[in-house]
Amino acid sequence: MKQKPWIRLLDSPSDNRRSKTCLEPRRRIQNPKWAGIFAIALAFIFDGAVVDAQQPKKVARICYLGNAVSGRQAIYIKMFRERLHELGHVEEQNLTIEYRDFEGKVERLPGLANELVRLNCDVIVAQ
């Protein structure tokens, strides 16, 4: 008795018809290859979902260089932080701000600017 190849794939390898019609579960021939194929397909599907779930959020880093001697710096910083909050940036959640103060001493500016560049900031804001 010859079967077509695709029918044999779905059927068990035994040609013994009596063993396939047996009602006792322990004596029936089991065909576990579909369970294996299904398990492999599930592994491929859920493997991609795990990779996407582990991507960390990027925290923006802003560096602020200002002058504390001028009385307006506190007002500028307050307005700057309020505007960032309006845009959806919350400090310590998705935003970090590094503050540096040159205290009216212009000769400190190059050193502080170099320090901010080394911190690898996304944006440098200067007053």
PDB file of N, CA and C in Angstrom:
ATOM      1  N   MET A   1       0.841  -1.175   0.000  1.00  0.00           N
ATOM      2  CA  MET A   1       0.000   0.000   0.000  1.00  0.00           C
ATOM      3  C   MET A   1       0.892   1.246   0.000  1.00  0.00           C
ATOM      4  N   LYS A   2       0.742   2.091  -1.012  1.00  0.00           N
ATOM      5  CA  LYS A   2       1.569   3.283  -1.128  1.00  0.00           C
ATOM      6  C   LYS A   2       0.719   4.508  -0.816  1.00  0.00           C
ATOM      7  N   GLN A   3       1.266   5.374   0.015  1.00  0.00           N
ATOM      8  CA  GLN A   3       0.594   6.626   0.342  1.00  0.00           C
ATOM      9  C   GLN A   3       1.389   7.774  -0.261  1.00  0.00           C
ATOM     10  N   LYS A   4       0.725   8.861  -0.451  1.00  0.00           N
ATOM     11  CA  LYS A   4       1.413  10.047  -0.931  1.00  0.00           C
ATOM     12  C   LYS A   4       2.308  10.573   0.199  1.00  0.00           C
ATOM     13  N   PRO A   5       3.451  11.208  -0.125  1.00  0.00           N
ATOM     14  CA  PRO A   5       4.393  11.647   0.924  1.00  0.00           C
ATOM     15  C   PRO A   5       3.779  12.623   1.924  1.00  0.00           C
ATOM     16  N   TRP A   6       2.929  13.506   1.486  1.00  0.00           N
ATOM     17  CA  TRP A   6       2.358  14.478   2.422  1.00  0.00           C
ATOM     18  C   TRP A   6       1.365  13.835   3.357  1.00  0.00           C
ATOM     19  N   ILE A   7       0.736  12.766   2.963  1.00  0.00           N
ATOM     20  CA  ILE A   7      -0.172  12.053   3.860  1.00  0.00           C
ATOM     21  C   ILE A   7       0.643  11.288   4.892  1.00  0.00           C
ATOM     22  N   ARG A   8       1.778  10.736   4.471  1.00  0.00           N
ATOM     23  CA  ARG A   8       2.625  10.014   5.412  1.00  0.00           C
ATOM     24  C   ARG A   8       3.196  10.948   6.467  1.00  0.00           C
ATOM     25  N   LEU A   9       3.427  12.210   6.141  1.00  0.00           N
ATOM     26  CA  LEU A   9       3.945  13.159   7.113  1.00  0.00           C
ATOM     27  C   LEU A   9       2.965  13.352   8.263  1.00  0.00           C
ATOM     28  N   LEU A  10       1.679  13.379   7.944  1.00  0.00           N
ATOM     29  CA  LEU A  10       0.661  13.578   8.969  1.00  0.00           C
ATOM     30  C   LEU A  10       0.344  12.299   9.746  1.00  0.00           C
ATOM     31  N   ASP A  11       0.722  11.180   9.208  1.00  0.00           N
ATOM     32  CA  ASP A  11       0.384   9.894   9.802  1.00  0.00           C
ATOM     33  C   ASP A  11       1.584   9.348  10.562  1.00  0.00           C
ATOM     34  N   SER A  12       1.362   8.381  11.431  1.00  0.00           N
ATOM     35  CA  SER A  12       2.460   7.755  12.151  1.00  0.00           C
ATOM     36  C   SER A  12       3.190   6.803  11.212  1.00  0.00           C
ATOM     37  N   PRO A  13       4.453   6.458  11.514  1.00  0.00           N
ATOM     38  CA  PRO A  13       5.221   5.634  10.591  1.00  0.00           C
ATOM     39  C   PRO A  13       4.773   4.173  10.510  1.00  0.00           C
ATOM     40  N   SER A  14       3.850   3.740  11.331  1.00  0.00           N
ATOM     41  CA  SER A  14       3.431   2.339  11.332  1.00  0.00           C
ATOM     42  C   SER A  14       2.338   2.111  10.293  1.00  0.00           C
ATOM     43  N   ASP A  15       2.434   0.988   9.530  1.00  0.00           N
ATOM     44  CA  ASP A  15       1.383   0.601   8.597  1.00  0.00           C
ATOM     45  C   ASP A  15       0.410  -0.382   9.233  1.00  0.00           C
ATOM     46  N   ASN A  16       0.568  -0.649  10.509  1.00  0.00           N
ATOM     47  CA  ASN A  16      -0.284  -1.590  11.217  1.00  0.00           C
ATOM     48  C   ASN A  16      -1.591  -0.886  11.568  1.00  0.00           C
ATOM     49  N   ARG A  17      -2.654  -1.138  10.816  1.00  0.00           N
ATOM     50  CA  ARG A  17      -3.931  -0.470  11.025  1.00  0.00           C
ATOM     51  C   ARG A  17      -4.550  -0.857  12.367  1.00  0.00           C
ATOM     52  N   ARG A  18      -4.311  -2.055  12.818  1.00  0.00           N
ATOM     53  CA  ARG A  18      -4.901  -2.498  14.077  1.00  0.00           C
ATOM     54  C   ARG A  18      -4.379  -1.672  15.261  1.00  0.00           C
ATOM     55  N   SER A  19      -3.083  -1.330  15.242  1.00  0.00           N
ATOM     56  CA  SER A  19      -2.530  -0.566  16.351  1.00  0.00           C
ATOM     57  C   SER A  19      -3.079   0.858  16.376  1.00  0.00           C
ATOM     58  N   LYS A  20      -3.501   1.410  15.236  1.00  0.00           N
ATOM     59  CA  LYS A  20      -4.022   2.770  15.194  1.00  0.00           C
ATOM     60  C   LYS A  20      -5.460   2.844  15.657  1.00  0.00           C
ATOM     61  N   THR A  21      -6.162   1.771  15.604  1.00  0.00           N
ATOM     62  CA  THR A  21      -7.564   1.801  15.999  1.00  0.00           C
ATOM     63  C   THR A  21      -7.771   1.311  17.419  1.00  0.00           C
ATOM     64  N   CYS A  22      -6.717   0.984  18.120  1.00  0.00           N
ATOM     65  CA  CYS A  22      -6.828   0.490  19.486  1.00  0.00           C
ATOM     66  C   CYS A  22      -7.286   1.624  20.391  1.00  0.00           C
ATOM     67  N   LEU A  23      -8.237   1.378  21.277  1.00  0.00           N
ATOM     68  CA  LEU A  23      -8.800   2.414  22.129  1.00  0.00           C
ATOM     69  C   LEU A  23      -8.032   2.591  23.429  1.00  0.00           C
ATOM     70  N   GLU A  24      -7.183   1.662  23.781  1.00  0.00           N
ATOM     71  CA  GLU A  24      -6.418   1.792  25.018  1.00  0.00           C
ATOM     72  C   GLU A  24      -5.287   2.791  24.799  1.00  0.00           C
ATOM     73  N   PRO A  25      -5.208   3.835  25.633  1.00  0.00           N
ATOM     74  CA  PRO A  25      -4.199   4.869  25.399  1.00  0.00           C
ATOM     75  C   PRO A  25      -2.763   4.357  25.493  1.00  0.00           C
ATOM     76  N   ARG A  26      -2.499   3.374  26.341  1.00  0.00           N
ATOM     77  CA  ARG A  26      -1.118   2.918  26.497  1.00  0.00           C
ATOM     78  C   ARG A  26      -0.653   2.059  25.337  1.00  0.00           C
ATOM     79  N   ARG A  27      -1.581   1.546  24.534  1.00  0.00           N
ATOM     80  CA  ARG A  27      -1.210   0.680  23.425  1.00  0.00           C
ATOM     81  C   ARG A  27      -1.264   1.411  22.088  1.00  0.00           C
ATOM     82  N   ARG A  28      -1.785   2.652  22.068  1.00  0.00           N
ATOM     83  CA  ARG A  28      -1.850   3.402  20.822  1.00  0.00           C
ATOM     84  C   ARG A  28      -0.471   3.938  20.448  1.00  0.00           C
ATOM     85  N   ILE A  29      -0.208   4.088  19.185  1.00  0.00           N
ATOM     86  CA  ILE A  29       1.059   4.673  18.733  1.00  0.00           C
ATOM     87  C   ILE A  29       0.893   6.194  18.778  1.00  0.00           C
ATOM     88  N   GLN A  30       1.792   6.842  19.465  1.00  0.00           N
ATOM     89  CA  GLN A  30       1.732   8.303  19.606  1.00  0.00           C
ATOM     90  C   GLN A  30       2.618   8.947  18.540  1.00  0.00           C
ATOM     91  N   ASN A  31       2.241  10.123  18.095  1.00  0.00           N
ATOM     92  CA  ASN A  31       2.999  10.849  17.083  1.00  0.00           C
ATOM     93  C   ASN A  31       3.378  12.216  17.663  1.00  0.00           C
ATOM     94  N   PRO A  32       4.534  12.332  18.329  1.00  0.00           N
ATOM     95  CA  PRO A  32       4.890  13.590  19.012  1.00  0.00           C
ATOM     96  C   PRO A  32       5.551  14.634  18.122  1.00  0.00           C
ATOM     97  N   LYS A  33       5.714  14.363  16.821  1.00  0.00           N
ATOM     98  CA  LYS A  33       6.441  15.337  16.009  1.00  0.00           C
ATOM     99  C   LYS A  33       5.714  16.670  15.874  1.00  0.00           C
ATOM    100  N   TRP A  34       4.364  16.681  15.893  1.00  0.00           N
ATOM    101  CA  TRP A  34       3.636  17.954  15.803  1.00  0.00           C
ATOM    102  C   TRP A  34       3.808  18.779  17.064  1.00  0.00           C
ATOM    103  N   ALA A  35       3.911  18.115  18.202  1.00  0.00           N
ATOM    104  CA  ALA A  35       4.161  18.851  19.450  1.00  0.00           C
ATOM    105  C   ALA A  35       5.531  19.513  19.403  1.00  0.00           C
ATOM    106  N   GLY A  36       6.510  18.831  18.857  1.00  0.00           N
ATOM    107  CA  GLY A  36       7.850  19.408  18.720  1.00  0.00           C
ATOM    108  C   GLY A  36       7.875  20.589  17.778  1.00  0.00           C
ATOM    109  N   ILE A  37       7.189  20.461  16.651  1.00  0.00           N
ATOM    110  CA  ILE A  37       7.131  21.575  15.692  1.00  0.00           C
ATOM    111  C   ILE A  37       6.421  22.775  16.310  1.00  0.00           C
ATOM    112  N   PHE A  38       5.354  22.511  17.043  1.00  0.00           N
ATOM    113  CA  PHE A  38       4.617  23.584  17.710  1.00  0.00           C
ATOM    114  C   PHE A  38       5.489  24.261  18.777  1.00  0.00           C
ATOM    115  N   ALA A  39       6.252  23.497  19.533  1.00  0.00           N
ATOM    116  CA  ALA A  39       7.132  24.060  20.564  1.00  0.00           C
ATOM    117  C   ALA A  39       8.225  24.929  19.941  1.00  0.00           C
ATOM    118  N   ILE A  40       8.770  24.496  18.828  1.00  0.00           N
ATOM    119  CA  ILE A  40       9.800  25.297  18.152  1.00  0.00           C
ATOM    120  C   ILE A  40       9.202  26.606  17.632  1.00  0.00           C
ATOM    121  N   ALA A  41       8.002  26.546  17.069  1.00  0.00           N
ATOM    122  CA  ALA A  41       7.342  27.767  16.569  1.00  0.00           C
ATOM    123  C   ALA A  41       7.087  28.738  17.722  1.00  0.00           C
ATOM    124  N   LEU A  42       6.619  28.240  18.853  1.00  0.00           N
ATOM    125  CA  LEU A  42       6.392  29.116  20.013  1.00  0.00           C
ATOM    126  C   LEU A  42       7.695  29.733  20.504  1.00  0.00           C
ATOM    127  N   ALA A  43       8.761  28.959  20.490  1.00  0.00           N
ATOM    128  CA  ALA A  43      10.058  29.493  20.928  1.00  0.00           C
ATOM    129  C   ALA A  43      10.492  30.657  20.039  1.00  0.00           C
ATOM    130  N   PHE A  44      10.299  30.534  18.722  1.00  0.00           N
ATOM    131  CA  PHE A  44      10.659  31.628  17.817  1.00  0.00           C
ATOM    132  C   PHE A  44       9.781  32.852  18.033  1.00  0.00           C
ATOM    133  N   ILE A  45       8.508  32.643  18.291  1.00  0.00           N
ATOM    134  CA  ILE A  45       7.583  33.762  18.476  1.00  0.00           C
ATOM    135  C   ILE A  45       7.914  34.532  19.754  1.00  0.00           C
ATOM    136  N   PHE A  46       8.094  33.811  20.865  1.00  0.00           N
ATOM    137  CA  PHE A  46       8.306  34.483  22.147  1.00  0.00           C
ATOM    138  C   PHE A  46       9.734  34.945  22.345  1.00  0.00           C
ATOM    139  N   ASP A  47      10.663  34.475  21.570  1.00  0.00           N
ATOM    140  CA  ASP A  47      12.040  34.923  21.671  1.00  0.00           C
ATOM    141  C   ASP A  47      12.147  36.396  21.289  1.00  0.00           C
ATOM    142  N   GLY A  48      11.450  36.829  20.260  1.00  0.00           N
ATOM    143  CA  GLY A  48      11.466  38.232  19.851  1.00  0.00           C
ATOM    144  C   GLY A  48      10.794  39.135  20.857  1.00  0.00           C
ATOM    145  N   ALA A  49       9.755  38.651  21.537  1.00  0.00           N
ATOM    146  CA  ALA A  49       9.050  39.467  22.524  1.00  0.00           C
ATOM    147  C   ALA A  49       9.924  39.745  23.738  1.00  0.00           C
ATOM    148  N   VAL A  50      10.750  38.810  24.134  1.00  0.00           N
ATOM    149  CA  VAL A  50      11.615  38.993  25.298  1.00  0.00           C
ATOM    150  C   VAL A  50      12.683  40.034  25.008  1.00  0.00           C
ATOM    151  N   VAL A  51      13.222  40.042  23.812  1.00  0.00           N
ATOM    152  CA  VAL A  51      14.260  40.999  23.456  1.00  0.00           C
ATOM    153  C   VAL A  51      13.703  42.416  23.473  1.00  0.00           C
ATOM    154  N   ASP A  52      12.502  42.625  22.967  1.00  0.00           N
ATOM    155  CA  ASP A  52      11.913  43.952  22.964  1.00  0.00           C
ATOM    156  C   ASP A  52      11.615  44.444  24.376  1.00  0.00           C
ATOM    157  N   ALA A  53      11.253  43.565  25.263  1.00  0.00           N
ATOM    158  CA  ALA A  53      10.869  43.965  26.612  1.00  0.00           C
ATOM    159  C   ALA A  53      12.059  44.402  27.445  1.00  0.00           C
ATOM    160  N   GLN A  54      13.279  44.084  27.049  1.00  0.00           N
ATOM    161  CA  GLN A  54      14.437  44.378  27.877  1.00  0.00           C
ATOM    162  C   GLN A  54      15.173  45.638  27.460  1.00  0.00           C
ATOM    163  N   GLN A  55      14.651  46.392  26.543  1.00  0.00           N
ATOM    164  CA  GLN A  55      15.311  47.609  26.116  1.00  0.00           C
ATOM    165  C   GLN A  55      15.182  48.684  27.197  1.00  0.00           C
ATOM    166  N   PRO A  56      16.298  49.234  27.675  1.00  0.00           N
ATOM    167  CA  PRO A  56      16.217  50.260  28.713  1.00  0.00           C
ATOM    168  C   PRO A  56      15.789  51.609  28.138  1.00  0.00           C
ATOM    169  N   LYS A  57      15.165  52.417  28.990  1.00  0.00           N
ATOM    170  CA  LYS A  57      14.795  53.769  28.576  1.00  0.00           C
ATOM    171  C   LYS A  57      16.036  54.651  28.559  1.00  0.00           C
ATOM    172  N   LYS A  58      16.089  55.563  27.604  1.00  0.00           N
ATOM    173  CA  LYS A  58      17.202  56.495  27.550  1.00  0.00           C
ATOM    174  C   LYS A  58      16.881  57.696  28.432  1.00  0.00           C
ATOM    175  N   VAL A  59      17.818  58.024  29.303  1.00  0.00           N
ATOM    176  CA  VAL A  59      17.683  59.182  30.178  1.00  0.00           C
ATOM    177  C   VAL A  59      18.504  60.318  29.569  1.00  0.00           C
ATOM    178  N   ALA A  60      17.835  61.408  29.241  1.00  0.00           N
ATOM    179  CA  ALA A  60      18.520  62.562  28.640  1.00  0.00           C
ATOM    180  C   ALA A  60      19.376  63.250  29.699  1.00  0.00           C
ATOM    181  N   ARG A  61      20.526  63.735  29.294  1.00  0.00           N
ATOM    182  CA  ARG A  61      21.432  64.422  30.222  1.00  0.00           C
ATOM    183  C   ARG A  61      21.685  65.827  29.692  1.00  0.00           C
ATOM    184  N   ILE A  62      21.317  66.812  30.493  1.00  0.00           N
ATOM    185  CA  ILE A  62      21.504  68.224  30.138  1.00  0.00           C
ATOM    186  C   ILE A  62      22.521  68.817  31.102  1.00  0.00           C
ATOM    187  N   CYS A  63      23.474  69.563  30.567  1.00  0.00           N
ATOM    188  CA  CYS A  63      24.476  70.244  31.390  1.00  0.00           C
ATOM    189  C   CYS A  63      24.198  71.747  31.343  1.00  0.00           C
ATOM    190  N   TYR A  64      24.165  72.355  32.515  1.00  0.00           N
ATOM    191  CA  TYR A  64      23.813  73.774  32.627  1.00  0.00           C
ATOM    192  C   TYR A  64      24.999  74.522  33.221  1.00  0.00           C
ATOM    193  N   LEU A  65      25.494  75.510  32.507  1.00  0.00           N
ATOM    194  CA  LEU A  65      26.616  76.325  32.957  1.00  0.00           C
ATOM    195  C   LEU A  65      26.119  77.745  33.195  1.00  0.00           C
ATOM    196  N   GLY A  66      26.232  78.211  34.434  1.00  0.00           N
ATOM    197  CA  GLY A  66      25.693  79.534  34.754  1.00  0.00           C
ATOM    198  C   GLY A  66      26.568  80.304  35.720  1.00  0.00           C
ATOM    199  N   ASN A  67      26.070  81.490  36.101  1.00  0.00           N
ATOM    200  CA  ASN A  67      26.787  82.408  36.971  1.00  0.00           C
ATOM    201  C   ASN A  67      25.933  82.682  38.204  1.00  0.00           C
ATOM    202  N   ALA A  68      26.380  82.196  39.368  1.00  0.00           N
ATOM    203  CA  ALA A  68      25.597  82.352  40.593  1.00  0.00           C
ATOM    204  C   ALA A  68      25.637  83.772  41.134  1.00  0.00           C
ATOM    205  N   VAL A  69      26.633  84.572  40.733  1.00  0.00           N
ATOM    206  CA  VAL A  69      26.740  85.932  41.239  1.00  0.00           C
ATOM    207  C   VAL A  69      25.557  86.766  40.770  1.00  0.00           C
ATOM    208  N   SER A  70      25.129  86.519  39.536  1.00  0.00           N
ATOM    209  CA  SER A  70      23.981  87.263  39.042  1.00  0.00           C
ATOM    210  C   SER A  70      22.735  86.737  39.744  1.00  0.00           C
ATOM    211  N   GLY A  71      21.908  87.626  40.263  1.00  0.00           N
ATOM    212  CA  GLY A  71      20.718  87.226  41.010  1.00  0.00           C
ATOM    213  C   GLY A  71      19.647  86.587  40.144  1.00  0.00           C
ATOM    214  N   ARG A  72      19.775  86.698  38.846  1.00  0.00           N
ATOM    215  CA  ARG A  72      18.746  86.174  37.949  1.00  0.00           C
ATOM    216  C   ARG A  72      18.908  84.680  37.657  1.00  0.00           C
ATOM    217  N   GLN A  73      20.031  84.077  38.030  1.00  0.00           N
ATOM    218  CA  GLN A  73      20.251  82.681  37.656  1.00  0.00           C
ATOM    219  C   GLN A  73      19.185  81.775  38.267  1.00  0.00           C
ATOM    220  N   ALA A  74      18.773  82.010  39.486  1.00  0.00           N
ATOM    221  CA  ALA A  74      17.744  81.171  40.108  1.00  0.00           C
ATOM    222  C   ALA A  74      16.432  81.266  39.329  1.00  0.00           C
ATOM    223  N   ILE A  75      16.121  82.462  38.831  1.00  0.00           N
ATOM    224  CA  ILE A  75      14.904  82.640  38.030  1.00  0.00           C
ATOM    225  C   ILE A  75      15.030  81.895  36.704  1.00  0.00           C
ATOM    226  N   TYR A  76      16.214  81.992  36.058  1.00  0.00           N
ATOM    227  CA  TYR A  76      16.439  81.288  34.792  1.00  0.00           C
ATOM    228  C   TYR A  76      16.319  79.774  34.966  1.00  0.00           C
ATOM    229  N   ILE A  77      16.917  79.262  36.025  1.00  0.00           N
ATOM    230  CA  ILE A  77      16.874  77.813  36.266  1.00  0.00           C
ATOM    231  C   ILE A  77      15.445  77.362  36.534  1.00  0.00           C
ATOM    232  N   LYS A  78      14.708  78.153  37.296  1.00  0.00           N
ATOM    233  CA  LYS A  78      13.317  77.798  37.601  1.00  0.00           C
ATOM    234  C   LYS A  78      12.478  77.763  36.313  1.00  0.00           C
ATOM    235  N   MET A  79      12.625  78.791  35.462  1.00  0.00           N
ATOM    236  CA  MET A  79      11.882  78.827  34.200  1.00  0.00           C
ATOM    237  C   MET A  79      12.301  77.668  33.284  1.00  0.00           C
ATOM    238  N   PHE A  80      13.594  77.382  33.263  1.00  0.00           N
ATOM    239  CA  PHE A  80      14.123  76.295  32.440  1.00  0.00           C
ATOM    240  C   PHE A  80      13.522  74.949  32.866  1.00  0.00           C
ATOM    241  N   ARG A  81      13.492  74.681  34.157  1.00  0.00           N
ATOM    242  CA  ARG A  81      12.937  73.423  34.669  1.00  0.00           C
ATOM    243  C   ARG A  81      11.434  73.335  34.452  1.00  0.00           C
ATOM    244  N   GLU A  82      10.714  74.455  34.612  1.00  0.00           N
ATOM    245  CA  GLU A  82       9.264  74.457  34.369  1.00  0.00           C
ATOM    246  C   GLU A  82       8.948  74.138  32.904  1.00  0.00           C
ATOM    247  N   ARG A  83       9.717  74.725  31.992  1.00  0.00           N
ATOM    248  CA  ARG A  83       9.474  74.477  30.561  1.00  0.00           C
ATOM    249  C   ARG A  83       9.782  73.009  30.206  1.00  0.00           C
ATOM    250  N   LEU A  84      10.835  72.453  30.762  1.00  0.00           N
ATOM    251  CA  LEU A  84      11.141  71.040  30.533  1.00  0.00           C
ATOM    252  C   LEU A  84      10.009  70.157  31.050  1.00  0.00           C
ATOM    253  N   HIS A  85       9.456  70.523  32.201  1.00  0.00           N
ATOM    254  CA  HIS A  85       8.341  69.754  32.767  1.00  0.00           C
ATOM    255  C   HIS A  85       7.104  69.834  31.867  1.00  0.00           C
ATOM    256  N   GLU A  86       6.857  71.013  31.289  1.00  0.00           N
ATOM    257  CA  GLU A  86       5.733  71.169  30.356  1.00  0.00           C
ATOM    258  C   GLU A  86       5.909  70.286  29.126  1.00  0.00           C
ATOM    259  N   LEU A  87       7.153  70.062  28.724  1.00  0.00           N
ATOM    260  CA  LEU A  87       7.440  69.231  27.548  1.00  0.00           C
ATOM    261  C   LEU A  87       7.454  67.735  27.881  1.00  0.00           C
ATOM    262  N   GLY A  88       7.224  67.406  29.149  1.00  0.00           N
ATOM    263  CA  GLY A  88       7.141  65.995  29.532  1.00  0.00           C
ATOM    264  C   GLY A  88       8.414  65.414  30.115  1.00  0.00           C
ATOM    265  N   HIS A  89       9.398  66.248  30.389  1.00  0.00           N
ATOM    266  CA  HIS A  89      10.655  65.770  30.982  1.00  0.00           C
ATOM    267  C   HIS A  89      10.612  65.990  32.482  1.00  0.00           C
ATOM    268  N   VAL A  90      10.796  64.910  33.240  1.00  0.00           N
ATOM    269  CA  VAL A  90      10.772  64.986  34.697  1.00  0.00           C
ATOM    270  C   VAL A  90      12.155  64.621  35.205  1.00  0.00           C
ATOM    271  N   GLU A  91      12.723  65.515  36.010  1.00  0.00           N
ATOM    272  CA  GLU A  91      14.059  65.277  36.547  1.00  0.00           C
ATOM    273  C   GLU A  91      14.057  64.036  37.430  1.00  0.00           C
ATOM    274  N   GLU A  92      15.110  63.234  37.319  1.00  0.00           N
ATOM    275  CA  GLU A  92      15.303  61.961  38.028  1.00  0.00           C
ATOM    276  C   GLU A  92      14.458  60.818  37.468  1.00  0.00           C
ATOM    277  N   GLN A  93      13.608  61.049  36.469  1.00  0.00           N
ATOM    278  CA  GLN A  93      12.858  59.961  35.832  1.00  0.00           C
ATOM    279  C   GLN A  93      13.351  59.744  34.412  1.00  0.00           C
ATOM    280  N   ASN A  94      13.256  60.769  33.574  1.00  0.00           N
ATOM    281  CA  ASN A  94      13.739  60.636  32.202  1.00  0.00           C
ATOM    282  C   ASN A  94      14.694  61.767  31.826  1.00  0.00           C
ATOM    283  N   LEU A  95      15.207  62.450  32.858  1.00  0.00           N
ATOM    284  CA  LEU A  95      16.074  63.597  32.614  1.00  0.00           C
ATOM    285  C   LEU A  95      17.038  63.769  33.780  1.00  0.00           C
ATOM    286  N   THR A  96      18.297  64.087  33.462  1.00  0.00           N
ATOM    287  CA  THR A  96      19.298  64.424  34.479  1.00  0.00           C
ATOM    288  C   THR A  96      19.893  65.760  34.084  1.00  0.00           C
ATOM    289  N   ILE A  97      19.990  66.665  35.053  1.00  0.00           N
ATOM    290  CA  ILE A  97      20.596  67.981  34.794  1.00  0.00           C
ATOM    291  C   ILE A  97      21.838  68.116  35.667  1.00  0.00           C
ATOM    292  N   GLU A  98      22.965  68.423  35.033  1.00  0.00           N
ATOM    293  CA  GLU A  98      24.227  68.670  35.726  1.00  0.00           C
ATOM    294  C   GLU A  98      24.449  70.185  35.751  1.00  0.00           C
ATOM    295  N   TYR A  99      24.558  70.767  36.941  1.00  0.00           N
ATOM    296  CA  TYR A  99      24.738  72.207  37.084  1.00  0.00           C
ATOM    297  C   TYR A  99      26.208  72.517  37.378  1.00  0.00           C
ATOM    298  N   ARG A 100      26.750  73.533  36.725  1.00  0.00           N
ATOM    299  CA  ARG A 100      28.092  74.040  37.005  1.00  0.00           C
ATOM    300  C   ARG A 100      27.997  75.563  37.087  1.00  0.00           C
ATOM    301  N   ASP A 101      28.753  76.132  38.036  1.00  0.00           N
ATOM    302  CA  ASP A 101      28.681  77.565  38.312  1.00  0.00           C
ATOM    303  C   ASP A 101      30.081  78.163  38.247  1.00  0.00           C
ATOM    304  N   PHE A 102      30.265  79.216  37.440  1.00  0.00           N
ATOM    305  CA  PHE A 102      31.589  79.832  37.351  1.00  0.00           C
ATOM    306  C   PHE A 102      31.731  81.023  38.306  1.00  0.00           C
ATOM    307  N   GLU A 103      30.714  81.331  39.067  1.00  0.00           N
ATOM    308  CA  GLU A 103      30.723  82.316  40.168  1.00  0.00           C
ATOM    309  C   GLU A 103      31.333  83.661  39.772  1.00  0.00           C
ATOM    310  N   GLY A 104      31.101  84.089  38.562  1.00  0.00           N
ATOM    311  CA  GLY A 104      31.589  85.389  38.119  1.00  0.00           C
ATOM    312  C   GLY A 104      33.061  85.405  37.756  1.00  0.00           C
ATOM    313  N   LYS A 105      33.757  84.304  37.886  1.00  0.00           N
ATOM    314  CA  LYS A 105      35.189  84.230  37.553  1.00  0.00           C
ATOM    315  C   LYS A 105      35.318  83.641  36.151  1.00  0.00           C
ATOM    316  N   VAL A 106      35.553  84.517  35.185  1.00  0.00           N
ATOM    317  CA  VAL A 106      35.579  84.142  33.777  1.00  0.00           C
ATOM    318  C   VAL A 106      36.712  83.141  33.489  1.00  0.00           C
ATOM    319  N   GLU A 107      37.806  83.206  34.261  1.00  0.00           N
ATOM    320  CA  GLU A 107      38.928  82.291  34.028  1.00  0.00           C
ATOM    321  C   GLU A 107      38.559  80.827  34.327  1.00  0.00           C
ATOM    322  N   ARG A 108      37.453  80.589  35.051  1.00  0.00           N
ATOM    323  CA  ARG A 108      36.999  79.214  35.353  1.00  0.00           C
ATOM    324  C   ARG A 108      36.179  78.606  34.202  1.00  0.00           C
ATOM    325  N   LEU A 109      35.719  79.434  33.269  1.00  0.00           N
ATOM    326  CA  LEU A 109      34.855  78.955  32.191  1.00  0.00           C
ATOM    327  C   LEU A 109      35.462  77.829  31.349  1.00  0.00           C
ATOM    328  N   PRO A 110      36.706  77.930  30.867  1.00  0.00           N
ATOM    329  CA  PRO A 110      37.236  76.837  30.032  1.00  0.00           C
ATOM    330  C   PRO A 110      37.296  75.490  30.768  1.00  0.00           C
ATOM    331  N   GLY A 111      37.705  75.506  32.031  1.00  0.00           N
ATOM    332  CA  GLY A 111      37.781  74.261  32.798  1.00  0.00           C
ATOM    333  C   GLY A 111      36.411  73.637  33.015  1.00  0.00           C
ATOM    334  N   LEU A 112      35.419  74.477  33.344  1.00  0.00           N
ATOM    335  CA  LEU A 112      34.060  73.956  33.552  1.00  0.00           C
ATOM    336  C   LEU A 112      33.452  73.454  32.245  1.00  0.00           C
ATOM    337  N   ALA A 113      33.719  74.176  31.147  1.00  0.00           N
ATOM    338  CA  ALA A 113      33.194  73.740  29.848  1.00  0.00           C
ATOM    339  C   ALA A 113      33.807  72.385  29.453  1.00  0.00           C
ATOM    340  N   ASN A 114      35.107  72.204  29.690  1.00  0.00           N
ATOM    341  CA  ASN A 114      35.747  70.918  29.400  1.00  0.00           C
ATOM    342  C   ASN A 114      35.154  69.802  30.255  1.00  0.00           C
ATOM    343  N   GLU A 115      34.883  70.104  31.506  1.00  0.00           N
ATOM    344  CA  GLU A 115      34.285  69.101  32.408  1.00  0.00           C
ATOM    345  C   GLU A 115      32.905  68.658  31.895  1.00  0.00           C
ATOM    346  N   LEU A 116      32.107  69.621  31.441  1.00  0.00           N
ATOM    347  CA  LEU A 116      30.779  69.286  30.924  1.00  0.00           C
ATOM    348  C   LEU A 116      30.868  68.461  29.634  1.00  0.00           C
ATOM    349  N   VAL A 117      31.852  68.756  28.795  1.00  0.00           N
ATOM    350  CA  VAL A 117      32.031  67.984  27.563  1.00  0.00           C
ATOM    351  C   VAL A 117      32.426  66.544  27.908  1.00  0.00           C
ATOM    352  N   ARG A 118      33.281  66.358  28.919  1.00  0.00           N
ATOM    353  CA  ARG A 118      33.700  65.012  29.331  1.00  0.00           C
ATOM    354  C   ARG A 118      32.547  64.206  29.929  1.00  0.00           C
ATOM    355  N   LEU A 119      31.533  64.879  30.462  1.00  0.00           N
ATOM    356  CA  LEU A 119      30.373  64.183  31.037  1.00  0.00           C
ATOM    357  C   LEU A 119      29.483  63.565  29.961  1.00  0.00           C
ATOM    358  N   ASN A 120      29.773  63.854  28.693  1.00  0.00           N
ATOM    359  CA  ASN A 120      29.021  63.291  27.567  1.00  0.00           C
ATOM    360  C   ASN A 120      27.537  63.680  27.644  1.00  0.00           C
ATOM    361  N   CYS A 121      27.287  64.960  27.764  1.00  0.00           N
ATOM    362  CA  CYS A 121      25.922  65.478  27.841  1.00  0.00           C
ATOM    363  C   CYS A 121      25.262  65.473  26.464  1.00  0.00           C
ATOM    364  N   ASP A 122      23.937  65.353  26.473  1.00  0.00           N
ATOM    365  CA  ASP A 122      23.188  65.452  25.226  1.00  0.00           C
ATOM    366  C   ASP A 122      23.091  66.906  24.768  1.00  0.00           C
ATOM    367  N   VAL A 123      22.935  67.815  25.749  1.00  0.00           N
ATOM    368  CA  VAL A 123      22.806  69.250  25.458  1.00  0.00           C
ATOM    369  C   VAL A 123      23.565  70.019  26.516  1.00  0.00           C
ATOM    370  N   ILE A 124      24.286  71.081  26.111  1.00  0.00           N
ATOM    371  CA  ILE A 124      24.939  71.984  27.060  1.00  0.00           C
ATOM    372  C   ILE A 124      24.243  73.329  26.938  1.00  0.00           C
ATOM    373  N   VAL A 125      23.724  73.819  28.068  1.00  0.00           N
ATOM    374  CA  VAL A 125      23.041  75.110  28.105  1.00  0.00           C
ATOM    375  C   VAL A 125      23.931  76.071  28.887  1.00  0.00           C
ATOM    376  N   ALA A 126      24.235  77.222  28.286  1.00  0.00           N
ATOM    377  CA  ALA A 126      25.068  78.234  28.936  1.00  0.00           C
ATOM    378  C   ALA A 126      24.260  79.508  29.104  1.00  0.00           C
ATOM    379  N   GLN A 127      24.420  80.123  30.276  1.00  0.00           N
ATOM    380  CA  GLN A 127      23.701  81.359  30.569  1.00  0.00           C
ATOM    381  C   GLN A 127      24.395  82.516  29.899  1.00  0.00           C
TER     382      GLN A 127
END
